[in-house]
Amino acid sequence: MAQRTTADETLPREELAAYFQDLAREFEGEDEEVIVPVGNKNVSLSPPHNIDVSVEVVERSSMLRGNRETVEIELSWKP
């Protein structure tokens, strides 16, 4: 059975950068375990040395709704 933990929030760019920096430090660390903060919860994961990475960027332009851009970053592995 899969467990899913999600959180959606709006952050200023500085806080988003700090979140990614903290996450990067987790992956750089010597511990086998990586702690990922998701909303008000911390999720403990066990990634291997090599991790699959997928990046998708979508740029939309609409005369009625204005421009919208999204970036999705997905990391996946089998522990």
N, C-alpha and C. Protein backbone atom coordinates (compact mmCIF):
# COMPACT_ATOMS: atom_id res chain seq x y z
N MET A 1 0.85 -1.17 0.00
CA MET A 1 0.00 0.00 0.00
C MET A 1 0.90 1.25 0.00
N ALA A 2 0.55 2.22 -0.80
CA ALA A 2 1.32 3.47 -0.89
C ALA A 2 0.81 4.48 0.12
N GLN A 3 1.73 5.16 0.75
CA GLN A 3 1.38 6.28 1.62
C GLN A 3 1.77 7.56 0.91
N ARG A 4 0.87 8.51 0.89
CA ARG A 4 1.12 9.78 0.22
C ARG A 4 0.98 10.91 1.23
N THR A 5 1.97 11.78 1.27
CA THR A 5 1.93 12.97 2.10
C THR A 5 2.13 14.16 1.18
N THR A 6 1.18 15.08 1.18
CA THR A 6 1.27 16.25 0.31
C THR A 6 1.01 17.53 1.08
N ALA A 7 1.52 18.62 0.56
CA ALA A 7 1.25 19.93 1.13
C ALA A 7 1.39 20.96 0.02
N ASP A 8 0.49 21.88 -0.03
CA ASP A 8 0.54 22.98 -0.99
C ASP A 8 0.62 24.28 -0.21
N GLU A 9 1.53 25.14 -0.59
CA GLU A 9 1.64 26.43 0.07
C GLU A 9 2.28 27.43 -0.88
N THR A 10 2.17 28.68 -0.55
CA THR A 10 2.80 29.76 -1.31
C THR A 10 3.93 30.32 -0.47
N LEU A 11 5.13 30.37 -1.04
CA LEU A 11 6.30 30.86 -0.33
C LEU A 11 6.95 32.01 -1.09
N PRO A 12 7.54 32.96 -0.37
CA PRO A 12 8.37 33.95 -1.05
C PRO A 12 9.58 33.24 -1.65
N ARG A 13 10.17 33.81 -2.67
CA ARG A 13 11.31 33.18 -3.35
C ARG A 13 12.45 32.85 -2.39
N GLU A 14 12.70 33.73 -1.40
CA GLU A 14 13.80 33.47 -0.46
C GLU A 14 13.53 32.21 0.36
N GLU A 15 12.29 32.03 0.82
CA GLU A 15 11.95 30.85 1.61
C GLU A 15 11.98 29.59 0.76
N LEU A 16 11.55 29.69 -0.50
CA LEU A 16 11.62 28.55 -1.40
C LEU A 16 13.08 28.14 -1.62
N ALA A 17 13.95 29.12 -1.84
CA ALA A 17 15.37 28.82 -2.02
C ALA A 17 15.94 28.15 -0.77
N ALA A 18 15.55 28.63 0.41
CA ALA A 18 16.03 28.03 1.66
C ALA A 18 15.53 26.59 1.79
N TYR A 19 14.29 26.32 1.38
CA TYR A 19 13.74 24.96 1.42
C TYR A 19 14.57 24.03 0.54
N PHE A 20 14.87 24.47 -0.70
CA PHE A 20 15.67 23.65 -1.60
C PHE A 20 17.09 23.47 -1.07
N GLN A 21 17.66 24.50 -0.45
CA GLN A 21 19.01 24.37 0.12
C GLN A 21 19.02 23.37 1.26
N ASP A 22 18.01 23.42 2.12
CA ASP A 22 17.91 22.44 3.22
C ASP A 22 17.76 21.03 2.67
N LEU A 23 16.94 20.87 1.66
CA LEU A 23 16.74 19.56 1.04
C LEU A 23 18.03 19.06 0.41
N ALA A 24 18.75 19.95 -0.25
CA ALA A 24 20.04 19.58 -0.86
C ALA A 24 21.03 19.12 0.21
N ARG A 25 21.06 19.81 1.35
CA ARG A 25 21.96 19.40 2.45
C ARG A 25 21.61 18.01 2.96
N GLU A 26 20.31 17.69 3.00
CA GLU A 26 19.88 16.35 3.42
C GLU A 26 20.46 15.29 2.48
N PHE A 27 20.37 15.54 1.15
CA PHE A 27 20.87 14.58 0.19
C PHE A 27 22.40 14.51 0.19
N GLU A 28 23.07 15.62 0.53
CA GLU A 28 24.54 15.64 0.58
C GLU A 28 25.09 14.97 1.83
N GLY A 29 24.27 14.84 2.86
CA GLY A 29 24.73 14.34 4.14
C GLY A 29 25.22 12.91 4.08
N GLU A 30 25.91 12.51 5.13
CA GLU A 30 26.49 11.17 5.23
C GLU A 30 25.46 10.13 5.66
N ASP A 31 24.35 10.56 6.25
CA ASP A 31 23.34 9.63 6.73
C ASP A 31 22.69 8.89 5.56
N GLU A 32 22.29 7.66 5.82
CA GLU A 32 21.54 6.88 4.83
C GLU A 32 20.14 7.46 4.67
N GLU A 33 19.65 8.10 5.71
CA GLU A 33 18.29 8.61 5.76
C GLU A 33 18.24 10.08 5.35
N VAL A 34 17.20 10.43 4.60
CA VAL A 34 16.95 11.81 4.19
C VAL A 34 15.61 12.23 4.79
N ILE A 35 15.59 13.35 5.48
CA ILE A 35 14.36 13.87 6.06
C ILE A 35 13.81 14.96 5.15
N VAL A 36 12.57 14.77 4.68
CA VAL A 36 11.93 15.72 3.78
C VAL A 36 10.76 16.37 4.50
N PRO A 37 10.82 17.69 4.74
CA PRO A 37 9.68 18.37 5.36
C PRO A 37 8.55 18.54 4.34
N VAL A 38 7.35 18.09 4.73
CA VAL A 38 6.17 18.23 3.87
C VAL A 38 5.08 18.84 4.74
N GLY A 39 4.83 20.14 4.54
CA GLY A 39 3.86 20.83 5.39
C GLY A 39 4.34 20.82 6.83
N ASN A 40 3.50 20.33 7.75
CA ASN A 40 3.87 20.31 9.17
C ASN A 40 4.40 18.93 9.59
N LYS A 41 4.83 18.12 8.62
CA LYS A 41 5.29 16.76 8.90
C LYS A 41 6.68 16.56 8.28
N ASN A 42 7.50 15.73 8.89
CA ASN A 42 8.78 15.33 8.32
C ASN A 42 8.68 13.87 7.89
N VAL A 43 9.07 13.60 6.64
CA VAL A 43 9.02 12.24 6.11
C VAL A 43 10.45 11.74 5.97
N SER A 44 10.71 10.55 6.52
CA SER A 44 12.03 9.94 6.48
C SER A 44 12.11 8.98 5.30
N LEU A 45 13.11 9.19 4.42
CA LEU A 45 13.28 8.37 3.23
C LEU A 45 14.68 7.78 3.19
N SER A 46 14.86 6.72 2.40
CA SER A 46 16.16 6.04 2.29
C SER A 46 16.58 5.95 0.82
N PRO A 47 17.07 7.04 0.24
CA PRO A 47 17.46 7.00 -1.17
C PRO A 47 18.81 6.30 -1.36
N PRO A 48 18.99 5.62 -2.50
CA PRO A 48 20.28 5.02 -2.81
C PRO A 48 21.24 6.09 -3.33
N HIS A 49 22.42 5.69 -3.77
CA HIS A 49 23.43 6.62 -4.27
C HIS A 49 22.96 7.31 -5.56
N ASN A 50 22.33 6.55 -6.47
CA ASN A 50 21.85 7.10 -7.73
C ASN A 50 20.33 7.26 -7.69
N ILE A 51 19.87 8.43 -8.14
CA ILE A 51 18.45 8.78 -8.07
C ILE A 51 17.99 9.25 -9.45
N ASP A 52 16.83 8.77 -9.89
CA ASP A 52 16.25 9.21 -11.16
C ASP A 52 15.65 10.60 -10.97
N VAL A 53 15.94 11.51 -11.90
CA VAL A 53 15.45 12.88 -11.83
C VAL A 53 14.70 13.21 -13.12
N SER A 54 13.53 13.82 -12.97
CA SER A 54 12.73 14.26 -14.10
C SER A 54 12.34 15.72 -13.86
N VAL A 55 12.59 16.58 -14.84
CA VAL A 55 12.23 17.99 -14.74
C VAL A 55 11.32 18.33 -15.92
N GLU A 56 10.20 18.96 -15.62
CA GLU A 56 9.26 19.37 -16.66
C GLU A 56 8.91 20.84 -16.45
N VAL A 57 9.02 21.62 -17.52
CA VAL A 57 8.67 23.04 -17.49
C VAL A 57 7.56 23.27 -18.51
N VAL A 58 6.50 23.94 -18.07
CA VAL A 58 5.39 24.27 -18.97
C VAL A 58 5.20 25.78 -18.94
N GLU A 59 5.19 26.37 -20.13
CA GLU A 59 4.94 27.81 -20.26
C GLU A 59 3.67 27.98 -21.06
N ARG A 60 2.69 28.65 -20.47
CA ARG A 60 1.41 28.86 -21.15
C ARG A 60 1.17 30.36 -21.32
N SER A 61 0.66 30.70 -22.47
CA SER A 61 0.31 32.08 -22.74
C SER A 61 -1.14 32.13 -23.17
N SER A 62 -1.93 32.95 -22.48
CA SER A 62 -3.35 33.07 -22.81
C SER A 62 -3.73 34.54 -22.79
N MET A 63 -4.41 34.97 -23.82
CA MET A 63 -4.81 36.37 -23.88
C MET A 63 -5.84 36.70 -22.80
N LEU A 64 -6.67 35.74 -22.43
CA LEU A 64 -7.71 36.00 -21.44
C LEU A 64 -7.22 35.82 -20.01
N ARG A 65 -6.40 34.84 -19.77
CA ARG A 65 -5.98 34.52 -18.39
C ARG A 65 -4.56 34.95 -18.06
N GLY A 66 -3.83 35.45 -19.01
CA GLY A 66 -2.46 35.85 -18.76
C GLY A 66 -1.49 34.68 -18.86
N ASN A 67 -0.24 34.94 -18.60
CA ASN A 67 0.80 33.91 -18.70
C ASN A 67 0.85 33.09 -17.42
N ARG A 68 1.23 31.82 -17.56
CA ARG A 68 1.39 30.94 -16.41
C ARG A 68 2.55 30.00 -16.70
N GLU A 69 3.41 29.82 -15.71
CA GLU A 69 4.56 28.94 -15.85
C GLU A 69 4.58 27.96 -14.68
N THR A 70 4.95 26.72 -14.96
CA THR A 70 5.08 25.72 -13.90
C THR A 70 6.37 24.94 -14.11
N VAL A 71 6.94 24.51 -12.98
CA VAL A 71 8.11 23.64 -12.98
C VAL A 71 7.79 22.47 -12.06
N GLU A 72 7.96 21.27 -12.56
CA GLU A 72 7.78 20.07 -11.74
C GLU A 72 9.10 19.33 -11.68
N ILE A 73 9.54 19.01 -10.47
CA ILE A 73 10.77 18.24 -10.27
C ILE A 73 10.38 16.96 -9.54
N GLU A 74 10.70 15.84 -10.14
CA GLU A 74 10.38 14.55 -9.53
C GLU A 74 11.65 13.75 -9.32
N LEU A 75 11.83 13.27 -8.11
CA LEU A 75 12.94 12.38 -7.77
C LEU A 75 12.34 11.02 -7.47
N SER A 76 12.91 9.95 -8.00
CA SER A 76 12.37 8.62 -7.73
C SER A 76 13.49 7.61 -7.62
N TRP A 77 13.22 6.56 -6.83
CA TRP A 77 14.19 5.48 -6.63
C TRP A 77 13.51 4.30 -6.00
N LYS A 78 14.21 3.19 -6.00
CA LYS A 78 13.78 2.00 -5.27
C LYS A 78 14.79 1.80 -4.13
N PRO A 79 14.31 1.90 -2.87
CA PRO A 79 15.26 1.76 -1.74
C PRO A 79 15.82 0.35 -1.64
